Amino acid sequence: MDDDPETPGPATREYATPAGAVVGRVDGDVVRLVGVPYARAGRFQAPEVVERLADVSGDPAPFRAFVRSPASPQLSSPVLATLLPGVSEGLVASEDCQTLTITIPADLEPGERVPVMVWIHGGAYVTGAADVPLYDAASLVSEQRVIVIGVTYRLGMLGFFGDGDTLPANLGLLDLVAALEFVQRTIASLGGDPACVTLFGQSAGADAISHLMISDGARGLFRRAIVQSDPLGILRRREPMVRAMLAATGVPGPDTDLDELLALQPKAERAALRFGLVGGMPFGVQYGHAPLPRESETDEAWRRIAPEIDLLIGTLREETAMYLPLIPPLRVLTGLPVVGPGLRWLITRPTTDRVYTRDAKRFADRHRRAGGRATRYEIRWAPRGSAFGPGHVADLPLLLGTEAAWTRTALVGEGDWPEVERRGRELRRAWAGFARTGRVPATALPPHEVAFHRD
């Protein structure tokens, strides 16, 4: 990995870690370490956790964590281009994408240990990266005195496609296990508490977290989980769809040209369409392949682990409203005066319940019955004038990112940024409070905006 050609200057901070010395930039109230490799893997191979950063950089000097983490190679997404313009701006794609983006309070005292929050981005397992401005953790870190680590992992054809035999399945999930192993080994040297690690993620990132709970090799690597908008309702009985996808593309080889490999993704997605809602997220984890148990064993696996993991799980009130403005006929119908709001409700409520809410409730209930501690939430607030309402992704501006990044998107509507920021500060306090104690502290957020159902 090449260093940034710019001279880092005096505003740097060096840390001595078990993987070697690493240097980051001081940026106001935080220190940023970017592009820190946690694992290496060849095409379609399981990751190997990095033991020494020097082995990756080829330089025995301190690892200079100044270069943005690359994204996993991916196709452009029309949905993201409309909803989150500029989300991937400036990112470089690389198959060597197993890297961390680490944000640390700049004023940590020697020997101080603070909670660690590991962010796993969403994107239907085919798009996204940890090191984008929308996921900037500076506010969360400086306000709440936590360390936030974003993980970039393999996606799509490279990370979540395979027959489990010729081509391994779940490579992206194995990347995440490797990342957590690296975090456990090194985080104390960065000022984090290895016994107080919380995973938090949204959409596919949330789904990855719920499955890390039952993944071989992940036990004991984290204490708490925040599962945001996991599409749990479309994750069962996916094997026929996966077989159809493989039949449509064939099993690619490790020497397949990258562009040719990515070009197979739309073929796989088209093959999945006939499977209904399940085909809405065709790429994802596969049961019965490392590191996951068989599907018939998952409920029992979640019951066994429940007493060891505190859980915060929830949804937005109208998750599927995100898609209405992106579908012209629905955009017109739901925008009609008088009848539009009713049509919107008739469309979003049952689909939100079917894909997200119903199974989130079941997940929380099972966790409690098995002896775990669980809190469920529902976010009902959305910025004034947002066409997407309290829909999928609308919680992210409250937790991560900057005003400059989010006001470029359609999510914040006509509301001014202070309106978003006021509620965001409270939600960040709730998330960080859970990361510290396993319980959500009382907040100034009224129940008609954010409702918590505590255990």
Protein backbone atom coordinates (compact mmCIF):
# COMPACT_ATOMS: atom_id res chain seq x y z
CA MET A 1 0.00 0.00 0.00
CA ASP A 2 1.54 3.31 -1.10
CA ASP A 3 1.90 6.24 1.26
CA ASP A 4 0.26 9.57 0.64
CA PRO A 5 2.81 11.66 -1.23
CA GLU A 6 2.03 14.64 1.00
CA THR A 7 4.35 15.22 3.93
CA PRO A 8 2.37 14.36 7.07
CA GLY A 9 3.66 17.40 8.98
CA PRO A 10 3.84 17.81 12.72
CA ALA A 11 0.18 17.01 13.50
CA THR A 12 0.65 13.26 13.79
CA ARG A 13 0.35 10.66 16.53
CA GLU A 14 2.28 7.41 16.74
CA TYR A 15 1.02 4.26 18.45
CA ALA A 16 3.02 1.16 19.33
CA THR A 17 0.76 -1.83 18.61
CA PRO A 18 1.38 -5.58 18.70
CA ALA A 19 1.27 -5.43 14.89
CA GLY A 20 3.94 -2.73 14.79
CA ALA A 21 4.06 1.04 15.07
CA VAL A 22 1.39 3.03 13.24
CA VAL A 23 1.16 6.77 12.67
CA GLY A 24 -2.07 8.74 12.13
CA ARG A 25 -3.02 12.34 11.59
CA VAL A 26 -4.40 14.59 14.32
CA ASP A 27 -7.52 16.29 13.00
CA GLY A 28 -8.92 18.67 15.59
CA ASP A 29 -10.47 16.64 18.42
CA VAL A 30 -9.68 13.28 16.86
CA VAL A 31 -6.83 11.21 15.47
CA ARG A 32 -7.47 9.45 12.19
CA LEU A 33 -5.81 6.20 11.11
CA VAL A 34 -6.94 5.19 7.63
CA GLY A 35 -6.07 2.31 5.35
CA VAL A 36 -4.85 0.07 8.18
CA PRO A 37 -4.73 -3.51 6.79
CA TYR A 38 -6.23 -6.16 9.05
CA ALA A 39 -6.00 -9.17 6.70
CA ARG A 40 -4.72 -10.37 3.35
CA ALA A 41 -6.37 -12.75 0.93
CA GLY A 42 -6.00 -13.90 -2.63
CA ARG A 43 -8.97 -13.97 -4.98
CA PHE A 44 -11.62 -16.36 -3.58
CA GLN A 45 -9.41 -17.29 -0.62
CA ALA A 46 -10.09 -17.05 3.10
CA PRO A 47 -8.42 -14.07 4.80
CA GLU A 48 -5.29 -14.34 6.90
CA VAL A 49 -5.08 -11.89 9.79
CA VAL A 50 -2.17 -9.45 9.50
CA GLU A 51 0.47 -10.21 12.13
CA ARG A 52 2.88 -7.39 11.28
CA LEU A 53 2.02 -4.27 9.32
CA ALA A 54 5.56 -4.21 7.98
CA ASP A 55 4.86 -7.47 6.17
CA VAL A 56 2.11 -5.71 4.21
CA SER A 57 3.80 -2.37 3.59
CA GLY A 58 7.24 -3.85 2.95
CA ASP A 59 8.68 -1.07 5.10
CA PRO A 60 9.98 -1.73 8.62
CA ALA A 61 9.35 1.93 9.52
CA PRO A 62 6.10 2.86 11.31
CA PHE A 63 3.05 2.25 9.14
CA ARG A 64 1.79 5.61 7.88
CA ALA A 65 -2.00 5.39 8.06
CA PHE A 66 -2.64 8.37 5.80
CA VAL A 67 -4.13 6.82 2.62
CA ARG A 68 -7.89 6.29 2.43
CA SER A 69 -9.05 2.71 2.62
CA PRO A 70 -9.89 1.33 -0.83
CA ALA A 71 -13.35 0.02 -1.58
CA SER A 72 -14.07 -3.51 -2.68
CA PRO A 73 -14.49 -3.49 -6.48
CA GLN A 74 -18.17 -2.87 -7.22
CA LEU A 75 -20.60 -1.75 -9.89
CA SER A 76 -22.22 1.66 -9.76
CA SER A 77 -25.69 1.73 -8.22
CA PRO A 78 -28.48 3.88 -9.71
CA VAL A 79 -30.22 3.86 -6.31
CA LEU A 80 -27.14 5.18 -4.53
CA ALA A 81 -26.49 7.72 -7.26
CA THR A 82 -29.99 9.13 -6.71
CA LEU A 83 -30.20 8.82 -2.96
CA LEU A 84 -26.59 9.44 -1.92
CA PRO A 85 -24.80 11.32 -4.69
CA GLY A 86 -21.05 11.44 -4.26
CA VAL A 87 -21.01 8.59 -1.74
CA SER A 88 -18.04 6.94 -3.48
CA GLU A 89 -16.34 10.11 -4.65
CA GLY A 90 -12.57 9.86 -4.56
CA LEU A 91 -12.51 6.20 -3.55
CA VAL A 92 -10.14 3.79 -5.24
CA ALA A 93 -11.27 0.19 -5.71
CA SER A 94 -8.94 -2.71 -4.92
CA GLU A 95 -9.29 -6.39 -4.23
CA ASP A 96 -6.84 -5.74 -1.39
CA CYS A 97 -9.56 -3.91 0.49
CA GLN A 98 -9.41 -5.54 3.93
CA THR A 99 -8.63 -2.35 5.82
CA LEU A 100 -9.76 -0.36 8.85
CA THR A 101 -10.62 3.31 9.29
CA ILE A 102 -9.98 4.19 12.94
CA THR A 103 -11.05 7.40 14.69
CA ILE A 104 -9.69 8.04 18.20
CA PRO A 105 -10.24 10.88 20.70
CA ALA A 106 -7.16 13.08 20.46
CA ASP A 107 -7.01 13.76 24.20
CA LEU A 108 -6.91 10.21 25.56
CA GLU A 109 -4.78 9.99 28.68
CA PRO A 110 -1.97 7.40 28.92
CA GLY A 111 -3.47 4.15 30.13
CA GLU A 112 -7.06 5.29 29.53
CA ARG A 113 -9.35 2.69 27.96
CA VAL A 114 -12.57 3.76 26.25
CA PRO A 115 -15.40 1.79 24.60
CA VAL A 116 -14.85 0.63 21.03
CA MET A 117 -17.59 0.81 18.38
CA VAL A 118 -16.98 -1.12 15.16
CA TRP A 119 -19.00 0.17 12.19
CA ILE A 120 -20.05 -2.27 9.45
CA HIS A 121 -21.47 -0.46 6.44
CA GLY A 122 -24.49 -1.54 4.44
CA GLY A 123 -25.18 -1.62 0.72
CA ALA A 124 -26.97 -4.94 0.06
CA TYR A 125 -23.59 -6.72 0.26
CA VAL A 126 -22.67 -5.28 -3.15
CA THR A 127 -21.86 -1.59 -2.61
CA GLY A 128 -20.23 0.69 -0.07
CA ALA A 129 -17.02 1.20 1.86
CA ALA A 130 -16.15 2.32 5.37
CA ASP A 131 -14.01 5.30 4.42
CA VAL A 132 -16.55 7.71 2.94
CA PRO A 133 -17.56 11.15 4.30
CA LEU A 134 -21.09 9.94 5.04
CA TYR A 135 -19.60 7.60 7.65
CA ASP A 136 -17.23 10.12 9.24
CA ALA A 137 -17.18 9.26 12.96
CA ALA A 138 -15.59 12.46 14.31
CA SER A 139 -18.74 13.76 16.05
CA LEU A 140 -19.53 10.42 17.66
CA VAL A 141 -15.93 10.03 18.82
CA SER A 142 -15.38 13.55 20.16
CA GLU A 143 -18.78 13.90 21.83
CA GLN A 144 -19.02 10.46 23.38
CA ARG A 145 -15.36 9.63 23.97
CA VAL A 146 -15.34 6.32 22.16
CA ILE A 147 -13.14 4.83 19.47
CA VAL A 148 -14.94 4.10 16.20
CA ILE A 149 -13.53 1.63 13.67
CA GLY A 150 -14.99 1.28 10.18
CA VAL A 151 -14.37 -2.00 8.37
CA THR A 152 -14.05 -2.39 4.62
CA TYR A 153 -14.61 -5.96 3.39
CA ARG A 154 -15.14 -7.89 0.18
CA LEU A 155 -18.53 -7.51 -1.51
CA GLY A 156 -20.68 -9.00 -4.25
CA MET A 157 -19.03 -11.52 -6.54
CA LEU A 158 -15.80 -11.31 -4.54
CA GLY A 159 -17.27 -11.69 -1.07
CA PHE A 160 -20.78 -13.12 -1.06
CA PHE A 161 -21.10 -15.47 -3.99
CA GLY A 162 -20.10 -19.08 -4.32
CA ASP A 163 -21.21 -22.67 -4.22
CA GLY A 164 -19.30 -23.39 -1.02
CA ASP A 165 -17.30 -26.05 -2.81
CA THR A 166 -15.42 -24.86 -5.88
CA LEU A 167 -15.89 -21.27 -4.79
CA PRO A 168 -16.10 -20.52 -1.04
CA ALA A 169 -19.19 -18.71 0.20
CA ASN A 170 -19.22 -16.02 2.91
CA LEU A 171 -15.73 -14.66 2.23
CA GLY A 172 -16.89 -11.15 3.18
CA LEU A 173 -18.17 -12.46 6.50
CA LEU A 174 -14.85 -14.20 7.08
CA ASP A 175 -13.16 -10.84 6.41
CA LEU A 176 -15.23 -9.32 9.22
CA VAL A 177 -14.24 -12.09 11.64
CA ALA A 178 -10.59 -11.42 10.75
CA ALA A 179 -11.12 -7.70 11.35
CA LEU A 180 -12.49 -8.38 14.82
CA GLU A 181 -9.53 -10.62 15.60
CA PHE A 182 -7.16 -7.82 14.59
CA VAL A 183 -9.12 -5.30 16.66
CA GLN A 184 -8.98 -7.52 19.75
CA ARG A 185 -5.24 -7.91 19.38
CA THR A 186 -4.40 -4.24 18.85
CA ILE A 187 -7.11 -2.00 20.30
CA ALA A 188 -5.71 -1.68 23.83
CA SER A 189 -2.59 -0.07 22.37
CA LEU A 190 -4.81 2.56 20.73
CA GLY A 191 -6.66 3.39 23.95
CA GLY A 192 -9.63 1.05 23.49
CA ASP A 193 -11.09 -1.46 25.91
CA PRO A 194 -11.01 -4.93 24.28
CA ALA A 195 -13.66 -6.12 26.76
CA CYS A 196 -16.05 -3.35 25.66
CA VAL A 197 -16.38 -3.78 21.90
CA THR A 198 -19.74 -3.02 20.28
CA LEU A 199 -20.61 -3.75 16.66
CA PHE A 200 -23.03 -1.38 14.95
CA GLY A 201 -24.20 -1.47 11.38
CA GLN A 202 -27.10 -0.72 9.10
CA SER A 203 -28.98 -2.82 6.52
CA ALA A 204 -26.56 -5.44 5.12
CA GLY A 205 -24.07 -4.29 7.76
CA ALA A 206 -26.67 -5.04 10.43
CA ASP A 207 -27.31 -8.42 8.85
CA ALA A 208 -23.60 -9.17 8.94
CA ILE A 209 -23.63 -8.36 12.67
CA SER A 210 -26.58 -10.62 13.45
CA HIS A 211 -24.70 -13.43 11.70
CA LEU A 212 -21.36 -12.63 13.33
CA MET A 213 -23.18 -13.41 16.57
CA ILE A 214 -23.31 -17.07 15.46
CA SER A 215 -20.15 -17.26 13.32
CA ASP A 216 -17.37 -19.70 14.12
CA GLY A 217 -14.36 -17.80 15.37
CA ALA A 218 -16.27 -14.66 16.40
CA ARG A 219 -17.29 -15.72 19.89
CA GLY A 220 -15.79 -13.44 22.51
CA LEU A 221 -14.58 -10.87 19.98
CA PHE A 222 -17.37 -8.40 20.85
CA ARG A 223 -19.68 -7.80 23.80
CA ARG A 224 -22.58 -5.84 22.30
CA ALA A 225 -24.43 -5.52 18.99
CA ILE A 226 -26.50 -2.70 17.51
CA VAL A 227 -28.52 -4.07 14.60
CA GLN A 228 -30.05 -1.27 12.49
CA SER A 229 -32.63 -2.09 9.81
CA ASP A 230 -31.65 -5.69 9.22
CA PRO A 231 -33.87 -7.17 6.44
CA LEU A 232 -34.38 -10.33 8.47
CA GLY A 233 -37.66 -11.12 6.72
CA ILE A 234 -35.95 -12.04 3.43
CA LEU A 235 -33.05 -14.12 4.71
CA ARG A 236 -34.61 -17.58 5.00
CA ARG A 237 -34.93 -20.32 2.40
CA ARG A 238 -32.58 -18.65 -0.08
CA GLU A 239 -30.87 -21.81 -1.34
CA PRO A 240 -33.02 -22.24 -4.50
CA MET A 241 -32.28 -18.63 -5.42
CA VAL A 242 -28.53 -19.10 -4.93
CA ARG A 243 -28.62 -22.22 -7.14
CA ALA A 244 -30.44 -20.25 -9.85
CA MET A 245 -27.85 -17.47 -9.63
CA LEU A 246 -24.99 -19.94 -9.97
CA ALA A 247 -26.71 -21.62 -12.91
CA ALA A 248 -27.01 -18.25 -14.63
CA THR A 249 -23.37 -17.27 -14.21
CA GLY A 250 -21.43 -20.46 -13.80
CA VAL A 251 -18.70 -20.64 -11.17
CA PRO A 252 -16.00 -18.09 -12.01
CA GLY A 253 -12.37 -19.04 -11.63
CA PRO A 254 -9.71 -17.21 -9.65
CA ASP A 255 -8.08 -15.97 -12.85
CA THR A 256 -11.24 -14.46 -14.33
CA ASP A 257 -10.66 -10.88 -15.45
CA LEU A 258 -12.06 -8.50 -12.82
CA ASP A 259 -14.28 -6.64 -15.26
CA GLU A 260 -15.64 -9.95 -16.55
CA LEU A 261 -16.24 -11.08 -13.00
CA LEU A 262 -18.18 -7.92 -12.10
CA ALA A 263 -20.18 -8.24 -15.32
CA LEU A 264 -21.57 -11.53 -14.00
CA GLN A 265 -23.27 -9.75 -11.11
CA PRO A 266 -26.24 -8.37 -13.11
CA LYS A 267 -26.80 -11.84 -14.57
CA ALA A 268 -26.99 -13.28 -11.07
CA GLU A 269 -29.33 -10.49 -9.97
CA ARG A 270 -31.68 -11.05 -12.89
CA ALA A 271 -31.83 -14.75 -12.06
CA ALA A 272 -32.88 -13.83 -8.52
CA LEU A 273 -35.79 -11.59 -9.54
CA ARG A 274 -38.28 -14.43 -9.89
CA PHE A 275 -37.89 -15.27 -6.19
CA GLY A 276 -39.85 -12.22 -5.07
CA LEU A 277 -38.84 -10.19 -2.02
CA VAL A 278 -35.94 -12.53 -1.30
CA GLY A 279 -34.49 -11.50 -4.64
CA GLY A 280 -34.42 -7.91 -3.48
CA MET A 281 -31.07 -8.67 -1.84
CA PRO A 282 -29.70 -11.57 -3.86
CA PHE A 283 -26.18 -11.44 -2.45
CA GLY A 284 -25.71 -12.29 1.20
CA VAL A 285 -24.63 -14.86 3.73
CA GLN A 286 -25.15 -18.55 3.03
CA TYR A 287 -25.97 -20.98 5.81
CA GLY A 288 -24.12 -24.25 6.12
CA HIS A 289 -20.85 -22.80 4.85
CA ALA A 290 -18.03 -21.45 7.01
CA PRO A 291 -18.38 -19.65 9.32
CA LEU A 292 -22.15 -20.25 9.66
CA PRO A 293 -24.21 -23.22 10.87
CA ARG A 294 -26.92 -24.82 8.76
CA GLU A 295 -30.13 -22.83 8.52
CA SER A 296 -31.99 -25.37 10.66
CA GLU A 297 -29.47 -24.76 13.45
CA THR A 298 -29.49 -20.95 13.48
CA ASP A 299 -32.29 -20.39 16.00
CA GLU A 300 -30.55 -22.59 18.54
CA ALA A 301 -27.22 -20.90 17.81
CA TRP A 302 -28.74 -17.47 18.51
CA ARG A 303 -30.27 -18.81 21.73
CA ARG A 304 -26.93 -20.18 22.94
CA ILE A 305 -25.08 -16.91 22.38
CA ALA A 306 -27.81 -14.62 23.78
CA PRO A 307 -26.54 -14.47 27.39
CA GLU A 308 -23.12 -13.31 26.14
CA ILE A 309 -24.19 -10.39 23.92
CA ASP A 310 -26.25 -7.31 24.79
CA LEU A 311 -28.53 -6.45 21.87
CA LEU A 312 -30.00 -3.20 20.55
CA ILE A 313 -32.11 -3.89 17.48
CA GLY A 314 -34.58 -1.79 15.58
CA THR A 315 -36.03 -0.26 12.47
CA LEU A 316 -37.42 2.93 11.01
CA ARG A 317 -41.15 3.34 10.88
CA GLU A 318 -41.39 3.31 7.07
CA GLU A 319 -38.28 1.45 5.92
CA THR A 320 -39.54 0.77 2.42
CA ALA A 321 -40.50 4.43 1.85
CA MET A 322 -36.94 4.92 0.59
CA TYR A 323 -37.91 3.21 -2.66
CA LEU A 324 -41.10 5.15 -3.44
CA PRO A 325 -39.47 8.29 -4.93
CA LEU A 326 -37.22 6.05 -7.03
CA ILE A 327 -40.18 4.34 -8.82
CA PRO A 328 -41.95 6.90 -11.06
CA PRO A 329 -45.52 5.49 -10.85
CA LEU A 330 -45.32 5.19 -7.06
CA ARG A 331 -43.75 8.61 -6.78
CA VAL A 332 -46.71 10.10 -8.65
CA LEU A 333 -49.39 8.14 -6.80
CA THR A 334 -48.05 8.76 -3.30
CA GLY A 335 -47.58 12.43 -4.12
CA LEU A 336 -51.25 12.98 -5.00
CA PRO A 337 -53.15 15.40 -2.75
CA VAL A 338 -55.60 13.90 -0.27
CA VAL A 339 -55.15 10.24 -1.28
CA GLY A 340 -51.35 10.22 -1.57
CA PRO A 341 -50.53 9.89 2.16
CA GLY A 342 -53.00 7.03 2.52
CA LEU A 343 -51.54 5.20 -0.47
CA ARG A 344 -48.05 5.70 0.94
CA TRP A 345 -49.14 4.18 4.24
CA LEU A 346 -50.83 1.22 2.53
CA ILE A 347 -47.63 0.45 0.63
CA THR A 348 -44.93 1.08 3.22
CA ARG A 349 -46.43 -0.32 6.40
CA PRO A 350 -47.05 -3.93 5.32
CA THR A 351 -43.80 -4.17 3.36
CA THR A 352 -41.80 -2.63 6.20
CA ASP A 353 -43.36 -5.09 8.61
CA ARG A 354 -42.77 -8.06 6.29
CA VAL A 355 -39.11 -7.33 5.57
CA TYR A 356 -37.92 -5.57 8.72
CA THR A 357 -40.11 -4.96 11.78
CA ARG A 358 -41.80 -8.30 12.38
CA ASP A 359 -38.59 -10.29 12.47
CA ALA A 360 -36.72 -7.66 14.48
CA LYS A 361 -39.35 -8.09 17.20
CA ARG A 362 -39.00 -11.88 17.01
CA PHE A 363 -35.21 -11.60 17.17
CA ALA A 364 -35.38 -9.44 20.30
CA ASP A 365 -37.98 -11.67 21.94
CA ARG A 366 -35.93 -14.82 21.30
CA HIS A 367 -32.82 -13.11 22.67
CA ARG A 368 -34.61 -12.17 25.91
CA ARG A 369 -36.21 -15.59 26.37
CA ALA A 370 -32.77 -17.19 25.97
CA GLY A 371 -31.35 -15.09 28.81
CA GLY A 372 -29.91 -12.17 26.88
CA ARG A 373 -30.49 -8.47 27.37
CA ALA A 374 -32.29 -6.80 24.45
CA THR A 375 -33.70 -3.37 23.67
CA ARG A 376 -35.78 -2.70 20.59
CA TYR A 377 -36.30 0.72 19.00
CA GLU A 378 -38.31 2.39 16.25
CA ILE A 379 -37.24 5.69 14.66
CA ARG A 380 -40.28 7.70 13.61
CA TRP A 381 -38.68 11.07 12.88
CA ALA A 382 -37.61 12.37 9.50
CA PRO A 383 -36.39 15.81 8.40
CA ARG A 384 -39.05 18.21 7.15
CA GLY A 385 -39.56 17.99 3.42
CA SER A 386 -37.76 14.68 2.95
CA ALA A 387 -39.40 12.63 0.22
CA PHE A 388 -38.08 9.50 1.93
CA GLY A 389 -39.62 10.12 5.35
CA PRO A 390 -38.55 7.83 8.20
CA GLY A 391 -37.33 5.30 5.66
CA HIS A 392 -34.33 3.08 5.18
CA VAL A 393 -30.99 4.93 5.70
CA ALA A 394 -32.66 7.99 7.32
CA ASP A 395 -31.04 7.16 10.65
CA LEU A 396 -27.49 7.49 9.33
CA PRO A 397 -27.26 11.32 9.27
CA LEU A 398 -28.09 11.20 12.99
CA LEU A 399 -25.12 8.98 13.79
CA LEU A 400 -22.29 9.51 11.33
CA GLY A 401 -21.06 11.90 8.67
CA THR A 402 -20.80 15.64 8.31
CA GLU A 403 -23.11 18.48 7.33
CA ALA A 404 -21.17 18.98 4.09
CA ALA A 405 -21.62 15.31 3.16
CA TRP A 406 -25.28 14.84 4.11
CA THR A 407 -26.69 18.11 2.77
CA ARG A 408 -25.64 16.95 -0.70
CA THR A 409 -28.10 14.07 -0.40
CA ALA A 410 -31.89 13.91 -0.62
CA LEU A 411 -32.26 12.51 2.89
CA VAL A 412 -32.19 15.69 4.95
CA GLY A 413 -35.04 17.31 3.03
CA GLU A 414 -35.80 20.95 3.69
CA GLY A 415 -34.93 20.83 7.35
CA ASP A 416 -31.89 22.83 8.37
CA TRP A 417 -28.85 20.97 9.62
CA PRO A 418 -29.21 22.15 13.26
CA GLU A 419 -32.52 20.27 13.35
CA VAL A 420 -30.75 17.08 12.28
CA GLU A 421 -27.79 17.75 14.56
CA ARG A 422 -29.90 18.27 17.69
CA ARG A 423 -31.54 14.88 17.35
CA GLY A 424 -28.31 13.32 16.16
CA ARG A 425 -26.49 14.34 19.31
CA GLU A 426 -29.13 12.57 21.40
CA LEU A 427 -29.09 9.42 19.27
CA ARG A 428 -25.30 9.32 19.38
CA ARG A 429 -25.53 9.57 23.17
CA ALA A 430 -27.98 6.66 23.21
CA TRP A 431 -25.80 4.46 20.98
CA ALA A 432 -22.62 5.25 22.94
CA GLY A 433 -24.39 4.76 26.26
CA PHE A 434 -25.45 1.31 25.12
CA ALA A 435 -21.87 0.60 24.03
CA ARG A 436 -20.66 1.44 27.55
CA THR A 437 -23.25 -0.39 29.63
CA GLY A 438 -25.51 -2.55 27.49
CA ARG A 439 -28.46 -0.32 28.35
CA VAL A 440 -29.86 2.66 26.47
CA PRO A 441 -29.76 5.78 28.66
CA ALA A 442 -32.69 8.15 28.89
CA THR A 443 -32.59 10.71 26.11
CA ALA A 444 -34.35 13.95 25.22
CA LEU A 445 -35.81 12.27 22.14
CA PRO A 446 -39.62 12.08 22.56
CA PRO A 447 -41.33 8.73 21.91
CA HIS A 448 -43.15 10.07 18.86
CA GLU A 449 -39.71 10.57 17.27
CA VAL A 450 -37.71 7.62 18.65
CA ALA A 451 -39.36 4.90 20.74
CA PHE A 452 -37.30 2.48 22.83
CA HIS A 453 -38.75 -0.79 24.11
CA ARG A 454 -36.36 -1.74 26.88
CA ASP A 455 -35.99 -5.22 28.35
